[in-house]
Protein backbone atom coordinates (compact mmCIF):
# COMPACT_ATOMS: atom_id res chain seq x y z
CA UNK A 1 22.61 8.76 -78.38
CA UNK A 2 20.31 10.87 -76.11
CA UNK A 3 20.95 11.47 -72.64
CA UNK A 4 18.39 12.17 -70.52
CA UNK A 5 18.91 14.33 -67.26
CA UNK A 6 16.87 13.50 -63.99
CA UNK A 7 15.28 16.35 -62.47
CA UNK A 8 16.13 17.54 -59.03
CA UNK A 9 13.84 15.96 -56.58
CA UNK A 10 11.21 18.19 -54.78
CA UNK A 11 12.11 18.16 -51.14
CA UNK A 12 8.77 19.78 -49.99
CA UNK A 13 6.76 16.98 -51.68
CA UNK A 14 8.99 14.35 -50.12
CA UNK A 15 8.69 16.14 -46.58
CA UNK A 16 4.98 16.17 -47.04
CA UNK A 17 4.64 12.54 -48.07
CA UNK A 18 6.93 11.53 -45.25
CA UNK A 19 4.83 13.24 -42.55
CA UNK A 20 1.80 12.04 -44.03
CA UNK A 21 2.52 8.31 -43.87
CA UNK A 22 3.96 8.97 -40.63
CA UNK A 23 0.66 10.42 -39.44
CA UNK A 24 -1.45 7.70 -40.75
CA UNK A 25 0.60 5.31 -38.92
CA UNK A 26 0.42 6.75 -35.72
CA UNK A 27 -3.39 7.58 -35.98
CA UNK A 28 -3.95 3.79 -37.17
CA UNK A 29 -2.05 2.28 -34.44
CA UNK A 30 -3.53 4.49 -31.79
CA UNK A 31 -7.02 4.39 -33.10
CA UNK A 32 -7.82 1.07 -31.35
CA UNK A 33 -7.61 2.95 -27.92
CA UNK A 34 -10.62 5.15 -28.89
CA UNK A 35 -11.86 8.04 -26.87
CA UNK A 36 -13.34 6.10 -24.29
CA UNK A 37 -11.11 3.07 -22.69
CA UNK A 38 -10.21 1.33 -19.42
CA UNK A 39 -7.51 3.10 -17.57
CA UNK A 40 -7.21 0.66 -14.46
CA UNK A 41 -8.40 -2.61 -13.38
CA UNK A 42 -8.38 -4.82 -10.15
CA UNK A 43 -6.29 -7.39 -11.60
CA UNK A 44 -2.99 -8.25 -13.47
CA UNK A 45 -2.32 -11.01 -15.73
CA UNK A 46 -3.56 -13.81 -13.32
CA UNK A 47 -6.95 -13.78 -11.62
CA UNK A 48 -8.49 -16.42 -8.95
CA UNK A 49 -11.11 -18.78 -9.89
CA UNK A 50 -13.58 -16.93 -7.93
CA UNK A 51 -13.39 -13.09 -8.01
CA UNK A 52 -15.01 -9.94 -9.45
CA UNK A 53 -13.53 -8.07 -12.09
CA UNK A 54 -13.21 -4.00 -11.97
CA UNK A 55 -12.89 -1.89 -14.69
CA UNK A 56 -12.44 1.89 -14.37
CA UNK A 57 -12.78 3.96 -17.63
CA UNK A 58 -11.16 7.43 -18.30
CA UNK A 59 -14.71 8.81 -19.10
CA UNK A 60 -17.95 9.13 -16.83
CA UNK A 61 -20.99 7.46 -18.32
CA UNK A 62 -24.76 8.65 -17.68
CA UNK A 63 -25.67 5.38 -15.64
CA UNK A 64 -29.54 4.94 -15.16
CA UNK A 65 -28.96 1.79 -12.56
CA UNK A 66 -26.15 2.76 -10.39
CA UNK A 67 -25.12 0.24 -7.83
CA UNK A 68 -27.81 -2.04 -9.15
CA UNK A 69 -27.00 -5.55 -10.82
CA UNK A 70 -27.80 -5.89 -14.44
CA UNK A 71 -27.64 -8.51 -16.91
CA UNK A 72 -26.65 -5.87 -19.79
CA UNK A 73 -23.39 -7.23 -21.24
CA UNK A 74 -20.99 -4.04 -21.26
CA UNK A 75 -18.26 -6.26 -22.07
CA UNK A 76 -17.62 -9.31 -23.85
CA UNK A 77 -15.27 -12.31 -22.24
CA UNK A 78 -13.79 -15.06 -24.24
CA UNK A 79 -14.38 -17.71 -23.58
CA UNK A 80 -17.91 -17.21 -22.72
CA UNK A 81 -18.44 -16.31 -18.96
CA UNK A 82 -21.96 -15.82 -17.72
CA UNK A 83 -22.60 -13.24 -15.23
CA UNK A 84 -23.77 -9.79 -14.36
CA UNK A 85 -22.64 -6.24 -13.97
CA UNK A 86 -22.80 -3.17 -11.70
CA UNK A 87 -21.87 0.40 -12.16
CA UNK A 88 -20.50 1.11 -8.79
CA UNK A 89 -19.47 4.69 -10.05
CA UNK A 90 -20.12 6.76 -13.27
CA UNK A 91 -16.82 5.43 -14.42
CA UNK A 92 -16.23 1.97 -12.56
CA UNK A 93 -18.06 -1.42 -13.91
CA UNK A 94 -17.83 -4.30 -11.91
CA UNK A 95 -18.60 -7.65 -13.53
CA UNK A 96 -19.39 -10.84 -11.11
CA UNK A 97 -19.38 -14.16 -12.62
CA UNK A 98 -22.36 -16.63 -11.90
CA UNK A 99 -20.02 -19.27 -11.26
CA UNK A 100 -16.07 -19.51 -10.93
CA UNK A 101 -13.74 -19.12 -14.02
CA UNK A 102 -12.43 -22.22 -15.58
CA UNK A 103 -8.75 -23.53 -14.42
CA UNK A 104 -5.94 -22.77 -15.93
CA UNK A 105 -7.85 -20.63 -18.74
CA UNK A 106 -6.84 -17.88 -21.00
CA UNK A 107 -9.46 -14.98 -21.40
CA UNK A 108 -9.95 -11.97 -23.30
CA UNK A 109 -12.23 -8.92 -22.53
CA UNK A 110 -13.43 -6.71 -25.13
CA UNK A 111 -15.61 -3.56 -24.42
CA UNK A 112 -19.08 -3.81 -26.07
CA UNK A 113 -19.27 -0.63 -28.06
CA UNK A 114 -23.09 -0.68 -28.73
CA UNK A 115 -23.91 -1.15 -24.90
CA UNK A 116 -21.20 1.36 -23.84
CA UNK A 117 -22.24 3.98 -26.46
CA UNK A 118 -25.83 3.96 -25.51
CA UNK A 119 -25.02 5.19 -21.98
CA UNK A 120 -22.12 7.57 -23.22
CA UNK A 121 -22.39 11.29 -22.59
CA UNK A 122 -20.68 11.69 -25.94
CA UNK A 123 -22.66 9.85 -28.49
CA UNK A 124 -19.97 10.49 -31.24
CA UNK A 125 -17.01 9.10 -28.90
CA UNK A 126 -15.18 6.06 -30.02
CA UNK A 127 -14.91 3.00 -28.25
CA UNK A 128 -11.47 1.23 -27.68
CA UNK A 129 -10.91 -1.91 -29.36
CA UNK A 130 -7.97 -2.89 -27.28
CA UNK A 131 -8.41 -6.40 -25.78
CA UNK A 132 -7.56 -7.24 -22.15
CA UNK A 133 -5.96 -10.51 -21.26
CA UNK A 134 -5.86 -12.21 -18.13
CA UNK A 135 -5.70 -16.04 -17.12
CA UNK A 136 -6.68 -18.43 -14.17
CA UNK A 137 -3.83 -19.82 -12.26
CA UNK A 138 -2.10 -22.81 -14.27
CA UNK A 139 -1.65 -26.17 -12.96
CA UNK A 140 1.38 -26.39 -10.51
CA UNK A 141 2.92 -28.71 -7.96
CA UNK A 142 2.81 -26.31 -4.91
CA UNK A 143 4.65 -28.64 -2.56
CA UNK A 144 5.07 -32.06 -1.29
CA UNK A 145 4.71 -33.45 2.33
CA UNK A 146 6.98 -36.43 3.13
CA UNK A 147 6.34 -38.64 6.21
CA UNK A 148 6.63 -42.19 7.22
CA UNK A 149 3.84 -44.62 7.83
CA UNK A 150 3.36 -48.38 8.86
CA UNK A 151 1.87 -50.52 6.24
CA UNK A 152 -1.34 -52.16 6.97
CA UNK A 153 -0.77 -55.02 4.71
CA UNK A 154 2.79 -56.36 6.02
CA UNK A 155 3.43 -53.70 9.10
CA UNK A 156 6.66 -52.76 7.29
CA UNK A 157 7.98 -49.19 7.50
CA UNK A 158 7.30 -47.06 4.45
CA UNK A 159 7.93 -43.75 3.33
CA UNK A 160 5.29 -41.62 1.27
CA UNK A 161 5.26 -38.25 -0.53
CA UNK A 162 1.88 -36.30 -0.68
CA UNK A 163 2.27 -34.38 -4.06
CA UNK A 164 0.05 -31.22 -3.53
CA UNK A 165 -1.30 -29.83 -6.61
CA UNK A 166 -3.41 -26.30 -6.92
CA UNK A 167 -6.02 -28.27 -9.01
CA UNK A 168 -7.18 -32.04 -8.94
CA UNK A 169 -5.44 -34.58 -11.41
CA UNK A 170 -5.56 -38.17 -12.26
CA UNK A 171 -3.28 -40.28 -10.29
CA UNK A 172 -3.03 -42.90 -13.02
CA UNK A 173 -2.27 -40.18 -15.70
CA UNK A 174 0.33 -38.72 -13.20
CA UNK A 175 1.92 -42.12 -12.63
CA UNK A 176 2.85 -42.26 -16.37
CA UNK A 177 4.62 -38.92 -16.23
CA UNK A 178 6.48 -39.05 -12.85
CA UNK A 179 10.09 -39.71 -12.28
CA UNK A 180 11.65 -39.52 -8.92
CA UNK A 181 15.64 -39.41 -8.71
CA UNK A 182 18.26 -39.69 -5.85
CA UNK A 183 21.67 -38.48 -6.91
CA UNK A 184 20.66 -38.91 -10.48
CA UNK A 185 19.82 -42.59 -9.85
CA UNK A 186 16.10 -43.68 -10.37
CA UNK A 187 14.16 -44.66 -7.30
CA UNK A 188 11.30 -47.27 -7.28
CA UNK A 189 8.06 -45.82 -6.18
CA UNK A 190 4.22 -46.71 -6.55
CA UNK A 191 1.61 -44.15 -6.94
CA UNK A 192 -0.92 -45.49 -4.21
CA UNK A 193 -3.86 -42.82 -5.12
CA UNK A 194 -5.07 -43.47 -8.77
CA UNK A 195 -8.20 -41.65 -8.62
CA UNK A 196 -8.91 -37.82 -9.05
CA UNK A 197 -7.54 -35.70 -6.16
CA UNK A 198 -5.25 -32.53 -5.65
CA UNK A 199 -3.18 -34.50 -3.20
CA UNK A 200 -1.64 -37.38 -4.93
CA UNK A 201 0.10 -40.14 -2.38
CA UNK A 202 3.25 -41.67 -3.85
CA UNK A 203 5.01 -44.73 -1.91
CA UNK A 204 8.91 -44.81 -2.20
CA UNK A 205 10.29 -48.40 -1.91
CA UNK A 206 13.10 -48.91 0.08
CA UNK A 207 13.39 -45.62 1.47
CA UNK A 208 14.39 -46.97 4.98
CA UNK A 209 17.81 -48.20 3.54
CA UNK A 210 18.59 -44.75 1.60
CA UNK A 211 21.91 -43.27 2.34
CA UNK A 212 20.48 -39.75 1.58
CA UNK A 213 17.48 -38.19 2.34
CA UNK A 214 17.09 -35.64 -0.68
CA UNK A 215 14.96 -36.45 -3.72
CA UNK A 216 14.41 -34.81 -7.03
CA UNK A 217 10.81 -35.13 -8.14
CA UNK A 218 10.24 -34.85 -12.00
CA UNK A 219 7.02 -34.53 -13.94
CA UNK A 220 7.01 -34.71 -17.82
CA UNK A 221 4.87 -32.12 -19.62
CA UNK A 222 1.33 -33.05 -20.62
CA UNK A 223 -0.19 -33.66 -17.12
CA UNK A 224 -3.80 -32.43 -17.30
CA UNK A 225 -6.32 -30.95 -14.90
CA UNK A 226 -9.19 -33.40 -14.08
CA UNK A 227 -12.21 -32.79 -16.42
CA UNK A 228 -10.47 -30.15 -18.25
CA UNK A 229 -8.64 -30.08 -21.24
CA UNK A 230 -5.34 -28.25 -20.21
CA UNK A 231 -2.30 -29.91 -20.29
CA UNK A 232 1.27 -28.68 -18.85
CA UNK A 233 3.48 -27.34 -21.38
CA UNK A 234 6.68 -27.54 -19.48
CA UNK A 235 8.17 -30.16 -17.19
CA UNK A 236 7.54 -29.59 -13.44
CA UNK A 237 10.56 -30.37 -10.97
CA UNK A 238 10.70 -30.16 -6.95
CA UNK A 239 13.31 -30.75 -4.49
CA UNK A 240 12.32 -32.55 -1.16
CA UNK A 241 13.71 -34.61 1.56
CA UNK A 242 12.67 -37.68 3.84
CA UNK A 243 12.45 -36.81 7.30
CA UNK A 244 14.12 -38.37 10.19
CA UNK A 245 12.66 -41.71 10.94
CA UNK A 246 14.04 -41.83 14.65
CA UNK A 247 12.31 -38.69 15.58
CA UNK A 248 8.53 -37.58 15.68
CA UNK A 249 8.14 -34.06 14.63
CA UNK A 250 5.28 -31.36 14.05
CA UNK A 251 6.28 -29.72 10.80
CA UNK A 252 3.11 -27.45 10.71
CA UNK A 253 -0.12 -26.40 12.23
CA UNK A 254 -2.93 -24.99 10.30
CA UNK A 255 -6.26 -23.69 11.02
CA UNK A 256 -9.42 -22.41 9.51
CA UNK A 257 -13.10 -23.08 8.73
CA UNK A 258 -14.69 -25.61 6.52
CA UNK A 259 -18.58 -25.39 6.15
CA UNK A 260 -18.67 -23.03 8.87
CA UNK A 261 -16.83 -25.42 11.45
CA UNK A 262 -13.52 -24.47 12.83
CA UNK A 263 -10.71 -26.89 12.61
CA UNK A 264 -6.89 -27.08 13.85
CA UNK A 265 -4.97 -29.52 11.60
CA UNK A 266 -1.42 -30.82 12.75
CA UNK A 267 0.88 -32.16 10.33
CA UNK A 268 3.69 -34.78 11.32
CA UNK A 269 6.54 -36.29 9.81
CA UNK A 270 5.19 -40.01 10.81
CA UNK A 271 1.83 -41.72 10.92
CA UNK A 272 0.36 -41.16 14.63
CA UNK A 273 -0.94 -44.07 16.55
CA UNK A 274 -4.73 -43.92 16.12
CA UNK A 275 -5.27 -45.57 19.67
CA UNK A 276 -3.45 -42.91 21.51
CA UNK A 277 -4.24 -42.48 25.32
CA UNK A 278 -6.80 -39.82 26.41
CA UNK A 279 -5.29 -36.44 27.27
CA UNK A 280 -2.38 -36.82 24.77
CA UNK A 281 -3.68 -33.25 23.65
CA UNK A 282 -5.65 -30.57 24.89
CA UNK A 283 -7.02 -27.13 23.46
CA UNK A 284 -7.87 -24.36 25.88
CA UNK A 285 -9.40 -20.96 25.52
CA UNK A 286 -6.75 -18.32 26.71
CA UNK A 287 -8.07 -15.87 29.40
CA UNK A 288 -11.72 -16.72 28.99
CA UNK A 289 -12.21 -17.19 32.62
CA UNK A 290 -10.15 -13.72 33.03
CA UNK A 291 -12.70 -11.92 31.05
CA UNK A 292 -15.48 -13.51 32.80
CA UNK A 293 -14.01 -12.56 36.23
CA UNK A 294 -13.75 -9.12 34.71
CA UNK A 295 -17.12 -9.08 33.99
CA UNK A 296 -18.35 -10.58 37.07
CA UNK A 297 -16.25 -7.58 38.99
CA UNK A 298 -18.77 -5.18 37.17
CA UNK A 299 -21.84 -7.18 37.48
CA UNK A 300 -23.89 -5.47 40.41
CA UNK A 301 -27.14 -5.91 41.87
CA UNK A 302 -29.20 -3.41 43.86
CA UNK A 303 -30.12 -4.24 47.46
CA UNK A 304 -31.67 -2.45 50.27
CA UNK A 305 -30.24 -1.77 53.59
CA UNK A 306 -32.27 -1.88 57.05
CA UNK A 307 -33.44 1.74 56.16
CA UNK A 308 -34.59 1.04 52.90
CA UNK A 309 -32.05 2.72 50.83
CA UNK A 310 -30.62 1.36 47.88
CA UNK A 311 -27.21 -0.19 47.78
CA UNK A 312 -25.00 -1.72 44.80
CA UNK A 313 -23.72 -4.90 45.60
CA UNK A 314 -21.11 -6.83 43.41
CA UNK A 315 -22.11 -10.40 42.37
CA UNK A 316 -19.16 -12.69 43.32
CA UNK A 317 -17.67 -14.66 40.63
CA UNK A 318 -18.03 -18.53 40.48
CA UNK A 319 -14.96 -20.40 41.53
CA UNK A 320 -13.18 -22.55 39.19
CA UNK A 321 -10.07 -24.82 39.05
CA UNK A 322 -8.29 -22.72 36.15
CA UNK A 323 -8.98 -19.08 36.48
CA UNK A 324 -7.06 -18.38 32.91
CA UNK A 325 -7.76 -21.38 30.76
CA UNK A 326 -10.81 -23.36 29.89
CA UNK A 327 -10.81 -26.65 27.79
CA UNK A 328 -13.20 -27.05 24.97
CA UNK A 329 -14.81 -30.23 23.46
CA UNK A 330 -13.20 -31.39 20.07
CA UNK A 331 -13.70 -34.09 17.49
CA UNK A 332 -10.36 -35.88 16.65
CA UNK A 333 -9.86 -37.33 13.17
CA UNK A 334 -6.44 -38.85 12.33
CA UNK A 335 -5.00 -38.69 9.09
CA UNK A 336 -1.92 -40.38 7.27
CA UNK A 337 0.46 -37.75 8.52
CA UNK A 338 -1.35 -35.95 11.54
CA UNK A 339 -4.52 -35.21 12.97
CA UNK A 340 -7.41 -32.73 12.83
CA UNK A 341 -9.17 -31.37 15.71
CA UNK A 342 -12.84 -30.10 14.85
CA UNK A 343 -14.55 -27.76 17.53
CA UNK A 344 -16.81 -24.98 18.19
CA UNK A 345 -13.96 -22.37 17.58
CA UNK A 346 -14.84 -18.77 17.45
CA UNK A 347 -13.19 -15.68 15.93
CA UNK A 348 -12.43 -13.83 18.90
CA UNK A 349 -10.75 -16.03 21.37
CA UNK A 350 -7.03 -17.19 21.37
CA UNK A 351 -6.66 -20.93 21.54
CA UNK A 352 -3.75 -22.69 22.93
CA UNK A 353 -2.94 -26.49 21.39
CA UNK A 354 -1.02 -28.63 23.67
CA UNK A 355 0.48 -31.83 22.51
CA UNK A 356 2.00 -33.93 25.15
CA UNK A 357 4.79 -36.44 25.24
CA UNK A 358 1.79 -39.03 25.26
CA UNK A 359 1.64 -38.29 21.22
CA UNK A 360 3.32 -41.22 19.82
CA UNK A 361 3.50 -42.53 16.26
CA UNK A 362 2.67 -45.87 14.42
CA UNK A 363 6.04 -46.52 14.41
CA UNK A 364 6.66 -46.41 18.13
CA UNK A 365 8.40 -42.97 18.41
CA UNK A 366 7.13 -40.18 21.03
CA UNK A 367 7.58 -36.58 20.96
CA UNK A 368 10.58 -35.54 23.09
CA UNK A 369 8.48 -32.59 24.79
CA UNK A 370 5.33 -31.13 24.78
CA UNK A 371 4.64 -29.17 21.67
CA UNK A 372 2.59 -25.77 22.55
CA UNK A 373 1.08 -23.52 19.64
CA UNK A 374 -1.15 -20.40 20.01
CA UNK A 375 -3.78 -20.42 17.56
CA UNK A 376 -5.89 -17.48 16.58
CA UNK A 377 -8.91 -17.94 13.80
CA UNK A 378 -9.63 -14.42 12.98
CA UNK A 379 -12.70 -13.65 11.03
CA UNK A 380 -14.80 -16.59 9.37
CA UNK A 381 -14.84 -15.95 5.66
CA UNK A 382 -18.04 -14.39 4.47
CA UNK A 383 -20.65 -17.39 3.11
CA UNK A 384 -24.00 -17.51 2.34
CA UNK A 385 -25.61 -21.14 1.55
CA UNK A 386 -28.66 -23.11 1.84
CA UNK A 387 -29.17 -25.60 5.00
CA UNK A 388 -30.59 -28.15 2.92
CA UNK A 389 -28.29 -28.31 -0.35
CA UNK A 390 -30.11 -31.30 -1.75
CA UNK A 391 -33.57 -29.48 -2.06
CA UNK A 392 -34.44 -28.48 -5.79
CA UNK A 393 -37.56 -26.48 -5.57
CA UNK A 394 -40.08 -24.89 -3.18
CA UNK A 395 -43.34 -26.91 -3.26
CA UNK A 396 -46.74 -25.35 -2.44
CA UNK A 397 -47.28 -28.54 -0.25
CA UNK A 398 -44.18 -28.06 1.74
CA UNK A 399 -43.68 -26.05 5.07
CA UNK A 400 -43.09 -22.75 2.75
CA UNK A 401 -39.79 -21.91 4.31
CA UNK A 402 -36.27 -21.81 3.40
CA UNK A 403 -33.46 -22.15 5.81
CA UNK A 404 -30.36 -19.84 5.04
CA UNK A 405 -26.89 -19.79 6.72
CA UNK A 406 -25.61 -16.45 6.67
CA UNK A 407 -22.04 -15.85 8.14
CA UNK A 408 -20.47 -12.36 8.27
CA UNK A 409 -22.72 -10.86 5.46
CA UNK A 410 -24.00 -7.31 6.85
CA UNK A 411 -26.36 -6.81 3.79
CA UNK A 412 -28.12 -9.55 1.60
CA UNK A 413 -30.59 -8.78 -1.09
CA UNK A 414 -33.03 -11.68 -1.39
CA UNK A 415 -34.68 -12.21 -4.97
CA UNK A 416 -37.21 -14.81 -5.12
CA UNK A 417 -38.38 -15.73 -8.84
CA UNK A 418 -41.19 -18.33 -9.92
CA UNK A 419 -40.28 -20.78 -12.45
CA UNK A 420 -43.43 -21.87 -14.29
CA UNK A 421 -44.04 -25.57 -14.63
CA UNK A 422 -43.65 -25.85 -18.48
CA UNK A 423 -40.05 -24.21 -17.95
CA UNK A 424 -38.89 -26.14 -15.14
CA UNK A 425 -37.13 -28.88 -17.04
CA UNK A 426 -35.33 -26.19 -19.44
CA UNK A 427 -34.20 -24.34 -16.54
CA UNK A 428 -32.73 -27.24 -14.93
CA UNK A 429 -30.84 -28.59 -17.82
CA UNK A 430 -29.41 -25.41 -19.09
CA UNK A 431 -28.78 -23.38 -16.05
CA UNK A 432 -26.64 -25.23 -13.81
CA UNK A 433 -23.28 -26.61 -13.11
CA UNK A 434 -22.32 -29.56 -10.92
CA UNK A 435 -20.52 -29.12 -7.57
CA UNK A 436 -17.37 -30.94 -6.21
CA UNK A 437 -16.84 -32.47 -2.78
CA UNK A 438 -13.51 -32.44 -1.01
CA UNK A 439 -12.43 -34.40 1.91
CA UNK A 440 -11.18 -32.75 5.03
CA UNK A 441 -7.68 -33.48 4.61
CA UNK A 442 -8.22 -32.71 0.54
CA UNK A 443 -7.24 -36.39 -0.21
CA UNK A 444 -10.25 -36.86 -2.31
CA UNK A 445 -12.36 -34.88 -4.72
CA UNK A 446 -15.42 -36.21 -6.26
CA UNK A 447 -18.40 -35.02 -8.04
CA UNK A 448 -21.31 -34.13 -5.86
CA UNK A 449 -24.91 -34.95 -6.54
CA UNK A 450 -25.84 -31.38 -6.25
CA UNK A 451 -25.99 -28.61 -8.77
CA UNK A 452 -25.75 -24.81 -8.50
CA UNK A 453 -28.35 -22.92 -10.83
CA UNK A 454 -27.89 -19.62 -12.62
CA UNK A 455 -29.83 -16.84 -12.30
CA UNK A 456 -32.63 -16.37 -15.03
CA UNK A 457 -31.43 -12.85 -15.70
CA UNK A 458 -33.36 -12.59 -19.25
CA UNK A 459 -36.74 -13.45 -17.42
CA UNK A 460 -37.78 -15.93 -20.29
CA UNK A 461 -38.30 -18.66 -17.91
CA UNK A 462 -39.34 -17.16 -14.64
CA UNK A 463 -41.14 -13.99 -13.09
CA UNK A 464 -39.68 -12.29 -9.92
CA UNK A 465 -42.19 -12.11 -7.02
CA UNK A 466 -39.74 -10.91 -4.21
CA UNK A 467 -36.80 -8.68 -4.18
CA UNK A 468 -35.73 -6.63 -1.23
CA UNK A 469 -32.98 -6.63 1.24
CA UNK A 470 -32.54 -8.94 4.16
CA UNK A 471 -30.66 -8.17 7.48
CA UNK A 472 -29.35 -11.41 8.91
CA UNK A 473 -29.44 -9.88 12.39
CA UNK A 474 -32.95 -9.50 12.27
CA UNK A 475 -34.36 -12.18 10.18
CA UNK A 476 -33.38 -15.84 11.15
CA UNK A 477 -35.16 -17.33 8.34
CA UNK A 478 -36.94 -16.35 4.94
CA UNK A 479 -40.51 -17.53 4.63
CA UNK A 480 -41.91 -17.35 1.06
CA UNK A 481 -45.33 -18.41 0.17
CA UNK A 482 -45.86 -20.14 -2.98
CA UNK A 483 -49.07 -19.02 -5.13
């Protein structure tokens, strides 16, 4: 019988192999970052539907078109999002989508190695293959408004809950997934709004006989966003309470601008009487007359005395009934749980809203005391829009002008392209998306008959005939001649 003796292992070889495999692992794991990578960005995991994405790189590039929008795809976004790119610095790239991102969608961003290497200062530098992930807001129930109404059919008092979502949903689909409990006991309800909306009204049956006001709202998973494939993956729950039936209260006052028109929205716990007497409210501009008075004090005229010498004479202010407030005209629109005041509100004045004790509900309950609220609008959101949103193209036989509505945009670049007749149908079919209309109270969401068109960045269907900056404070309208 032979005995075999194992040789003592060579420690040097073992250590060498160990460090070799460790090095290969480290470099293979880190190689995806490359020499050129994104070191900072202006967003986290969640982005808004309409926003620009900014990427800051760890290296500078030789950018030929700084601060110019280009169609070169330096980044690849999946699912595909059409848009343009602009280098605002040698190492900072901005992506601006042509349209909004899709709701509740997960995106990935990859660096376009070919496009970035073409402008890299180091042609041998490697480009990171690391993916950047983000998503738009998922569907969620943002809140609920509870209020009492008087039924038009039978005149009975009924409680309603307005479910407020961040996206439009189908009311009929929601009805199959909704449960409302009170102390673990199911509550009978009826979804009165079966169409598509971001605010769904639910009628609670027999609520005036409840011994408790607290309600638990449950939505099973599987609720989808209207016209999109996304469905909720988890159950949604929300606690709410029915308001006092015997007291009329102002729950909230909201304000803003819609289509460049200011509004003040009052939310109540009971439906207001649409036949309220005149004078149940007033909206005043605070200190407007006081400012005019101060301006008049500085308003002087040059007159001459009997010797012909010039003399400065102050112009007296016009007497007014109220020297500190002036009331403005408004349009009143009643909603199911409140009222909206539309008016020519501006950005600088402070307004005072007063609802008097004449304000009463459809249930016969009035405010116990005057409600007073200061409202300051602030700067109107920047917007650019066409005055005629139904127009499609500019004919040579028309008035040869286009009306633009420009608000708080100090600098606008105007680009006019001519689409050739044989390309019009192709452009209108492939370069557009349909708009949506929203009612003033957000209750209705419908597809509009208007479309927004993408720019023909490739230049395959059109030629640019005008491209120049436009200053809104100088130009009141843009006139374009069509050859």
